[in-house]
């Protein structure tokens, strides 16, 4: 089953021509994110080429993941477009893993209130 059909990947280019190979590369990288988290509804990737920027940060890649809960957003810059895409997916992957770990910790520790120093009122049973 190809999951990219079930989920939406939106790719846009700013001052950059989106070639079919570039779109395929982004889709392959996004597939890795869909494998980690099945509740992702949409991934939006914006690729930007700034010719006035320094050579080290000429290409910027911005990623937005629409998921249940707060949206995840990341931005990276690199000297090459493919490297920026790869760095972006790594960063989004780390964000998804951190989110999953925090949700798991919250699920395993549901009692966030400590009652050690609090004096609870005494309850009298009626009819005894």
Protein backbone atom coordinates (compact mmCIF):
# COMPACT_ATOMS: atom_id res chain seq x y z
CA UNK A 1 0.00 0.00 0.00
CA UNK A 2 1.38 3.40 -0.93
CA UNK A 3 0.66 5.75 1.95
CA UNK A 4 1.30 8.95 0.01
CA UNK A 5 -2.09 8.37 -1.64
CA UNK A 6 -3.79 8.28 1.77
CA UNK A 7 -1.99 11.40 3.01
CA UNK A 8 -1.39 14.72 1.39
CA UNK A 9 2.05 16.09 0.51
CA UNK A 10 2.05 19.67 -0.76
CA UNK A 11 5.28 20.89 -2.38
CA UNK A 12 5.79 24.51 -3.37
CA UNK A 13 8.79 26.41 -4.68
CA UNK A 14 9.67 30.06 -4.15
CA UNK A 15 12.13 31.44 -6.74
CA UNK A 16 12.81 27.82 -7.64
CA UNK A 17 11.57 25.56 -10.42
CA UNK A 18 10.15 22.32 -9.06
CA UNK A 19 11.44 19.52 -11.28
CA UNK A 20 9.79 16.08 -11.24
CA UNK A 21 12.92 14.59 -9.65
CA UNK A 22 12.81 17.19 -6.86
CA UNK A 23 9.12 16.42 -6.21
CA UNK A 24 9.89 12.70 -6.13
CA UNK A 25 12.75 13.26 -3.69
CA UNK A 26 10.51 15.25 -1.32
CA UNK A 27 7.76 12.60 -1.55
CA UNK A 28 10.22 9.80 -0.75
CA UNK A 29 11.53 11.70 2.26
CA UNK A 30 7.97 12.49 3.44
CA UNK A 31 7.11 8.79 3.26
CA UNK A 32 9.55 8.19 6.12
CA UNK A 33 7.61 10.65 8.29
CA UNK A 34 4.30 8.96 7.45
CA UNK A 35 5.76 5.60 8.53
CA UNK A 36 6.57 6.99 11.99
CA UNK A 37 3.23 8.64 12.64
CA UNK A 38 0.03 7.43 10.97
CA UNK A 39 -2.07 10.34 12.27
CA UNK A 40 -0.35 12.91 10.03
CA UNK A 41 -2.99 14.51 7.84
CA UNK A 42 -0.83 16.71 5.65
CA UNK A 43 2.81 17.65 5.09
CA UNK A 44 3.52 20.95 3.39
CA UNK A 45 7.06 21.60 2.13
CA UNK A 46 8.18 25.01 0.87
CA UNK A 47 11.49 25.19 -0.96
CA UNK A 48 13.09 28.59 -1.43
CA UNK A 49 16.17 29.74 -3.30
CA UNK A 50 17.58 33.08 -2.17
CA UNK A 51 20.27 34.16 -4.63
CA UNK A 52 21.24 37.12 -2.43
CA UNK A 53 21.97 34.98 0.63
CA UNK A 54 25.38 33.55 1.40
CA UNK A 55 26.37 30.30 -0.29
CA UNK A 56 26.00 28.32 2.96
CA UNK A 57 22.33 29.22 3.34
CA UNK A 58 21.19 29.73 -0.23
CA UNK A 59 18.43 27.09 -0.13
CA UNK A 60 15.78 27.09 2.60
CA UNK A 61 13.31 24.32 3.25
CA UNK A 62 10.28 24.87 5.46
CA UNK A 63 8.10 22.01 6.61
CA UNK A 64 4.65 22.11 8.19
CA UNK A 65 3.04 18.94 9.52
CA UNK A 66 -0.70 19.02 10.15
CA UNK A 67 -1.46 16.48 12.85
CA UNK A 68 -3.92 16.05 15.70
CA UNK A 69 -2.81 18.63 18.20
CA UNK A 70 -0.43 21.51 17.58
CA UNK A 71 1.08 21.78 14.12
CA UNK A 72 4.79 21.03 13.79
CA UNK A 73 6.88 23.56 11.85
CA UNK A 74 10.59 23.51 11.03
CA UNK A 75 12.97 25.52 8.85
CA UNK A 76 16.50 24.66 7.69
CA UNK A 77 19.02 26.25 5.34
CA UNK A 78 21.77 24.63 3.29
CA UNK A 79 24.00 25.20 0.29
CA UNK A 80 22.17 22.59 -1.81
CA UNK A 81 18.44 21.96 -2.24
CA UNK A 82 18.59 18.17 -1.75
CA UNK A 83 20.66 18.62 1.42
CA UNK A 84 18.11 21.13 2.76
CA UNK A 85 15.29 18.64 2.14
CA UNK A 86 17.23 15.88 3.87
CA UNK A 87 18.01 18.10 6.88
CA UNK A 88 14.38 19.17 7.05
CA UNK A 89 13.05 15.61 7.16
CA UNK A 90 15.61 14.73 9.85
CA UNK A 91 14.49 17.70 11.93
CA UNK A 92 10.79 16.92 11.50
CA UNK A 93 11.49 13.27 12.34
CA UNK A 94 13.16 14.32 15.60
CA UNK A 95 10.19 16.56 16.40
CA UNK A 96 7.74 13.69 15.79
CA UNK A 97 9.77 11.31 17.96
CA UNK A 98 9.98 13.88 20.76
CA UNK A 99 6.22 14.46 20.56
CA UNK A 100 5.53 10.71 20.70
CA UNK A 101 7.92 10.28 23.65
CA UNK A 102 6.27 13.11 25.59
CA UNK A 103 2.80 11.70 24.92
CA UNK A 104 3.95 8.26 26.07
CA UNK A 105 5.45 9.69 29.26
CA UNK A 106 2.24 11.58 29.94
CA UNK A 107 0.22 8.41 29.34
CA UNK A 108 2.43 6.38 31.71
CA UNK A 109 2.36 9.05 34.46
CA UNK A 110 -1.26 10.25 34.56
CA UNK A 111 -1.05 11.57 38.15
CA UNK A 112 0.60 14.96 37.97
CA UNK A 113 -0.61 16.16 41.38
CA UNK A 114 1.44 15.40 44.46
CA UNK A 115 -0.65 15.32 47.66
CA UNK A 116 2.15 14.79 50.18
CA UNK A 117 2.03 18.28 51.75
CA UNK A 118 -1.71 18.87 51.39
CA UNK A 119 -4.02 18.22 54.29
CA UNK A 120 -7.20 16.58 53.05
CA UNK A 121 -10.49 17.22 54.85
CA UNK A 122 -11.88 14.42 56.98
CA UNK A 123 -15.01 12.78 55.68
CA UNK A 124 -17.71 11.65 58.08
CA UNK A 125 -19.81 8.73 57.03
CA UNK A 126 -23.52 9.28 57.62
CA UNK A 127 -25.44 6.45 59.29
CA UNK A 128 -22.59 4.77 61.12
